[in-house]
Amino acid sequence: MRLQLNSANDFVLRHMRALEMLGVLMRIFSFSLVSWMGPDSPFMFVWIFNTIDAMLLSWCAWLRKDAAYTTLNVFWILVGLIGIARAGQFLH
């Protein structure tokens, strides 16, 4: 397990700039979708997509040892999990 995690971390470190750009573009896309579509937005998709980008950006920030961006993106993961729960009507 440790070897696999190191390999994944190595991959992220090697491709950090591209992965961070992907995460930022994912976030822009998801919020643009909500802005354009309003109440007709596919909210479950948006929350899942946004939570995935927050996990990607958190991982990158963690490996860079950037406490501010790690905190910000972990917060977005928590917001995303609540959004997923509400969109799936698990929370009312």
N, C-alpha and C. Protein backbone atom coordinates (compact mmCIF):
# COMPACT_ATOMS: atom_id res chain seq x y z
N MET A 1 0.83 -1.19 0.00
CA MET A 1 0.00 0.00 0.00
C MET A 1 0.87 1.26 0.00
N ARG A 2 1.90 1.26 0.82
CA ARG A 2 2.79 2.43 0.91
C ARG A 2 3.45 2.70 -0.44
N LEU A 3 3.86 1.64 -1.13
CA LEU A 3 4.50 1.80 -2.44
C LEU A 3 3.52 2.42 -3.44
N GLN A 4 2.25 1.97 -3.41
CA GLN A 4 1.26 2.52 -4.32
C GLN A 4 1.02 4.01 -4.05
N LEU A 5 0.95 4.39 -2.76
CA LEU A 5 0.73 5.78 -2.41
C LEU A 5 1.91 6.64 -2.87
N ASN A 6 3.12 6.13 -2.65
CA ASN A 6 4.30 6.87 -3.11
C ASN A 6 4.28 7.03 -4.62
N SER A 7 3.87 5.99 -5.33
CA SER A 7 3.80 6.07 -6.79
C SER A 7 2.77 7.10 -7.22
N ALA A 8 1.62 7.13 -6.54
CA ALA A 8 0.58 8.11 -6.87
C ALA A 8 1.08 9.52 -6.55
N ASN A 9 1.71 9.70 -5.40
CA ASN A 9 2.27 11.00 -5.05
C ASN A 9 3.33 11.43 -6.06
N ASP A 10 4.17 10.51 -6.47
CA ASP A 10 5.19 10.82 -7.48
C ASP A 10 4.55 11.28 -8.78
N PHE A 11 3.48 10.59 -9.17
CA PHE A 11 2.76 10.98 -10.40
C PHE A 11 2.23 12.40 -10.26
N VAL A 12 1.58 12.69 -9.12
CA VAL A 12 1.03 14.03 -8.90
C VAL A 12 2.14 15.07 -8.89
N LEU A 13 3.24 14.78 -8.23
CA LEU A 13 4.35 15.73 -8.20
C LEU A 13 4.91 15.99 -9.59
N ARG A 14 5.02 14.94 -10.41
CA ARG A 14 5.55 15.10 -11.77
C ARG A 14 4.62 15.91 -12.66
N HIS A 15 3.32 15.83 -12.40
CA HIS A 15 2.33 16.47 -13.26
C HIS A 15 1.53 17.55 -12.51
N MET A 16 2.15 18.13 -11.50
CA MET A 16 1.46 19.07 -10.61
C MET A 16 0.79 20.22 -11.36
N ARG A 17 1.52 20.89 -12.21
CA ARG A 17 0.96 22.07 -12.90
C ARG A 17 -0.25 21.69 -13.75
N ALA A 18 -0.16 20.60 -14.48
CA ALA A 18 -1.26 20.16 -15.32
C ALA A 18 -2.46 19.74 -14.48
N LEU A 19 -2.22 19.03 -13.39
CA LEU A 19 -3.31 18.58 -12.53
C LEU A 19 -4.00 19.75 -11.83
N GLU A 20 -3.21 20.73 -11.40
CA GLU A 20 -3.82 21.91 -10.78
C GLU A 20 -4.65 22.68 -11.81
N MET A 21 -4.17 22.81 -13.02
CA MET A 21 -4.94 23.48 -14.06
C MET A 21 -6.23 22.72 -14.35
N LEU A 22 -6.14 21.40 -14.40
CA LEU A 22 -7.33 20.58 -14.62
C LEU A 22 -8.34 20.82 -13.49
N GLY A 23 -7.88 20.84 -12.24
CA GLY A 23 -8.77 21.08 -11.12
C GLY A 23 -9.43 22.45 -11.19
N VAL A 24 -8.67 23.47 -11.55
CA VAL A 24 -9.21 24.82 -11.68
C VAL A 24 -10.24 24.87 -12.82
N LEU A 25 -9.93 24.26 -13.95
CA LEU A 25 -10.88 24.25 -15.07
C LEU A 25 -12.15 23.48 -14.72
N MET A 26 -12.01 22.41 -13.95
CA MET A 26 -13.18 21.66 -13.50
C MET A 26 -14.07 22.55 -12.63
N ARG A 27 -13.45 23.29 -11.72
CA ARG A 27 -14.22 24.17 -10.83
C ARG A 27 -14.91 25.27 -11.63
N ILE A 28 -14.21 25.87 -12.58
CA ILE A 28 -14.81 26.92 -13.42
C ILE A 28 -15.99 26.34 -14.19
N PHE A 29 -15.82 25.15 -14.75
CA PHE A 29 -16.89 24.51 -15.51
C PHE A 29 -18.11 24.26 -14.63
N SER A 30 -17.91 23.71 -13.44
CA SER A 30 -19.06 23.37 -12.60
C SER A 30 -19.82 24.61 -12.15
N PHE A 31 -19.10 25.67 -11.76
CA PHE A 31 -19.80 26.88 -11.35
C PHE A 31 -20.42 27.60 -12.54
N SER A 32 -19.81 27.53 -13.71
CA SER A 32 -20.39 28.12 -14.91
C SER A 32 -21.69 27.41 -15.28
N LEU A 33 -21.70 26.10 -15.13
CA LEU A 33 -22.90 25.31 -15.43
C LEU A 33 -24.06 25.78 -14.57
N VAL A 34 -23.81 25.97 -13.28
CA VAL A 34 -24.86 26.43 -12.37
C VAL A 34 -25.29 27.85 -12.74
N SER A 35 -24.32 28.70 -13.07
CA SER A 35 -24.65 30.08 -13.44
C SER A 35 -25.51 30.13 -14.70
N TRP A 36 -25.17 29.32 -15.69
CA TRP A 36 -25.90 29.33 -16.96
C TRP A 36 -27.26 28.67 -16.85
N MET A 37 -27.32 27.56 -16.15
CA MET A 37 -28.55 26.77 -16.13
C MET A 37 -29.47 27.09 -14.96
N GLY A 38 -28.94 27.71 -13.93
CA GLY A 38 -29.76 28.06 -12.77
C GLY A 38 -30.42 26.85 -12.15
N PRO A 39 -31.71 26.95 -11.86
CA PRO A 39 -32.41 25.84 -11.19
C PRO A 39 -32.49 24.56 -12.02
N ASP A 40 -32.23 24.66 -13.32
CA ASP A 40 -32.25 23.46 -14.18
C ASP A 40 -30.91 22.73 -14.19
N SER A 41 -29.96 23.19 -13.38
CA SER A 41 -28.63 22.57 -13.33
C SER A 41 -28.72 21.14 -12.81
N PRO A 42 -27.86 20.28 -13.32
CA PRO A 42 -27.78 18.91 -12.78
C PRO A 42 -26.96 18.94 -11.47
N PHE A 43 -27.63 19.31 -10.37
CA PHE A 43 -26.92 19.61 -9.13
C PHE A 43 -26.08 18.45 -8.61
N MET A 44 -26.58 17.22 -8.72
CA MET A 44 -25.78 16.09 -8.22
C MET A 44 -24.48 16.00 -9.00
N PHE A 45 -24.55 16.12 -10.32
CA PHE A 45 -23.34 16.10 -11.15
C PHE A 45 -22.39 17.22 -10.74
N VAL A 46 -22.94 18.43 -10.59
CA VAL A 46 -22.11 19.59 -10.24
C VAL A 46 -21.41 19.36 -8.90
N TRP A 47 -22.14 18.87 -7.90
CA TRP A 47 -21.53 18.65 -6.58
C TRP A 47 -20.47 17.56 -6.63
N ILE A 48 -20.73 16.49 -7.34
CA ILE A 48 -19.74 15.42 -7.43
C ILE A 48 -18.50 15.92 -8.18
N PHE A 49 -18.71 16.59 -9.29
CA PHE A 49 -17.61 17.13 -10.10
C PHE A 49 -16.78 18.12 -9.28
N ASN A 50 -17.47 19.01 -8.56
CA ASN A 50 -16.79 20.02 -7.74
C ASN A 50 -16.03 19.38 -6.59
N THR A 51 -16.56 18.32 -6.02
CA THR A 51 -15.88 17.63 -4.92
C THR A 51 -14.63 16.90 -5.43
N ILE A 52 -14.71 16.34 -6.61
CA ILE A 52 -13.53 15.69 -7.20
C ILE A 52 -12.43 16.71 -7.46
N ASP A 53 -12.80 17.88 -7.98
CA ASP A 53 -11.75 18.89 -8.23
C ASP A 53 -11.17 19.37 -6.90
N ALA A 54 -11.98 19.47 -5.86
CA ALA A 54 -11.46 19.88 -4.55
C ALA A 54 -10.49 18.82 -3.99
N MET A 55 -10.79 17.55 -4.22
CA MET A 55 -9.87 16.50 -3.76
C MET A 55 -8.56 16.57 -4.52
N LEU A 56 -8.63 16.79 -5.82
CA LEU A 56 -7.42 16.91 -6.64
C LEU A 56 -6.58 18.11 -6.20
N LEU A 57 -7.22 19.25 -6.02
CA LEU A 57 -6.50 20.45 -5.62
C LEU A 57 -5.97 20.35 -4.19
N SER A 58 -6.70 19.67 -3.32
CA SER A 58 -6.22 19.45 -1.94
C SER A 58 -4.96 18.60 -1.95
N TRP A 59 -4.97 17.56 -2.75
CA TRP A 59 -3.82 16.66 -2.84
C TRP A 59 -2.59 17.42 -3.32
N CYS A 60 -2.78 18.24 -4.36
CA CYS A 60 -1.66 19.03 -4.88
C CYS A 60 -1.15 20.00 -3.81
N ALA A 61 -2.06 20.69 -3.14
CA ALA A 61 -1.66 21.66 -2.11
C ALA A 61 -0.96 20.96 -0.95
N TRP A 62 -1.45 19.79 -0.57
CA TRP A 62 -0.83 19.02 0.51
C TRP A 62 0.61 18.65 0.16
N LEU A 63 0.82 18.17 -1.05
CA LEU A 63 2.17 17.79 -1.46
C LEU A 63 3.10 19.00 -1.57
N ARG A 64 2.54 20.16 -1.90
CA ARG A 64 3.34 21.38 -1.95
C ARG A 64 3.54 21.97 -0.56
N LYS A 65 2.88 21.37 0.45
CA LYS A 65 2.93 21.85 1.84
C LYS A 65 2.39 23.29 1.94
N ASP A 66 1.32 23.54 1.22
CA ASP A 66 0.66 24.85 1.21
C ASP A 66 -0.57 24.77 2.10
N ALA A 67 -0.39 25.19 3.34
CA ALA A 67 -1.46 25.05 4.35
C ALA A 67 -2.72 25.82 3.98
N ALA A 68 -2.57 27.02 3.43
CA ALA A 68 -3.74 27.83 3.10
C ALA A 68 -4.62 27.15 2.04
N TYR A 69 -4.01 26.71 0.95
CA TYR A 69 -4.79 26.07 -0.11
C TYR A 69 -5.26 24.67 0.27
N THR A 70 -4.52 24.00 1.10
CA THR A 70 -4.99 22.70 1.60
C THR A 70 -6.25 22.93 2.42
N THR A 71 -6.22 23.90 3.32
CA THR A 71 -7.39 24.20 4.15
C THR A 71 -8.58 24.62 3.30
N LEU A 72 -8.35 25.51 2.35
CA LEU A 72 -9.43 25.97 1.48
C LEU A 72 -10.08 24.82 0.72
N ASN A 73 -9.27 23.96 0.14
CA ASN A 73 -9.82 22.89 -0.67
C ASN A 73 -10.41 21.75 0.15
N VAL A 74 -9.88 21.50 1.34
CA VAL A 74 -10.52 20.52 2.24
C VAL A 74 -11.90 21.06 2.65
N PHE A 75 -11.99 22.37 2.90
CA PHE A 75 -13.29 22.99 3.17
C PHE A 75 -14.25 22.72 2.01
N TRP A 76 -13.77 22.88 0.74
CA TRP A 76 -14.63 22.63 -0.42
C TRP A 76 -15.04 21.16 -0.53
N ILE A 77 -14.18 20.26 -0.07
CA ILE A 77 -14.58 18.84 -0.04
C ILE A 77 -15.75 18.67 0.91
N LEU A 78 -15.66 19.26 2.10
CA LEU A 78 -16.75 19.15 3.07
C LEU A 78 -18.04 19.78 2.55
N VAL A 79 -17.92 20.96 1.93
CA VAL A 79 -19.09 21.61 1.33
C VAL A 79 -19.67 20.70 0.24
N GLY A 80 -18.79 20.10 -0.56
CA GLY A 80 -19.24 19.21 -1.61
C GLY A 80 -19.96 17.99 -1.09
N LEU A 81 -19.46 17.41 -0.01
CA LEU A 81 -20.13 16.24 0.57
C LEU A 81 -21.52 16.60 1.09
N ILE A 82 -21.64 17.78 1.68
CA ILE A 82 -22.96 18.25 2.12
C ILE A 82 -23.86 18.50 0.92
N GLY A 83 -23.31 19.11 -0.13
CA GLY A 83 -24.08 19.34 -1.35
C GLY A 83 -24.55 18.05 -1.98
N ILE A 84 -23.70 17.04 -2.00
CA ILE A 84 -24.07 15.73 -2.54
C ILE A 84 -25.20 15.12 -1.70
N ALA A 85 -25.06 15.22 -0.39
CA ALA A 85 -26.09 14.68 0.51
C ALA A 85 -27.42 15.40 0.31
N ARG A 86 -27.37 16.71 0.13
CA ARG A 86 -28.62 17.47 -0.07
C ARG A 86 -29.19 17.20 -1.45
N ALA A 87 -28.36 17.16 -2.49
CA ALA A 87 -28.85 16.90 -3.85
C ALA A 87 -29.44 15.50 -3.95
N GLY A 88 -28.87 14.57 -3.20
CA GLY A 88 -29.39 13.19 -3.20
C GLY A 88 -30.51 12.99 -2.20
N GLN A 89 -30.92 14.07 -1.56
CA GLN A 89 -31.99 14.07 -0.57
C GLN A 89 -31.72 13.13 0.60
N PHE A 90 -30.42 13.01 0.96
CA PHE A 90 -30.04 12.27 2.16
C PHE A 90 -30.12 13.19 3.38
N LEU A 91 -29.98 14.50 3.14
CA LEU A 91 -30.13 15.54 4.17
C LEU A 91 -31.25 16.46 3.73
N HIS A 92 -32.03 16.88 4.67
CA HIS A 92 -33.15 17.79 4.32
C HIS A 92 -32.97 19.10 5.01
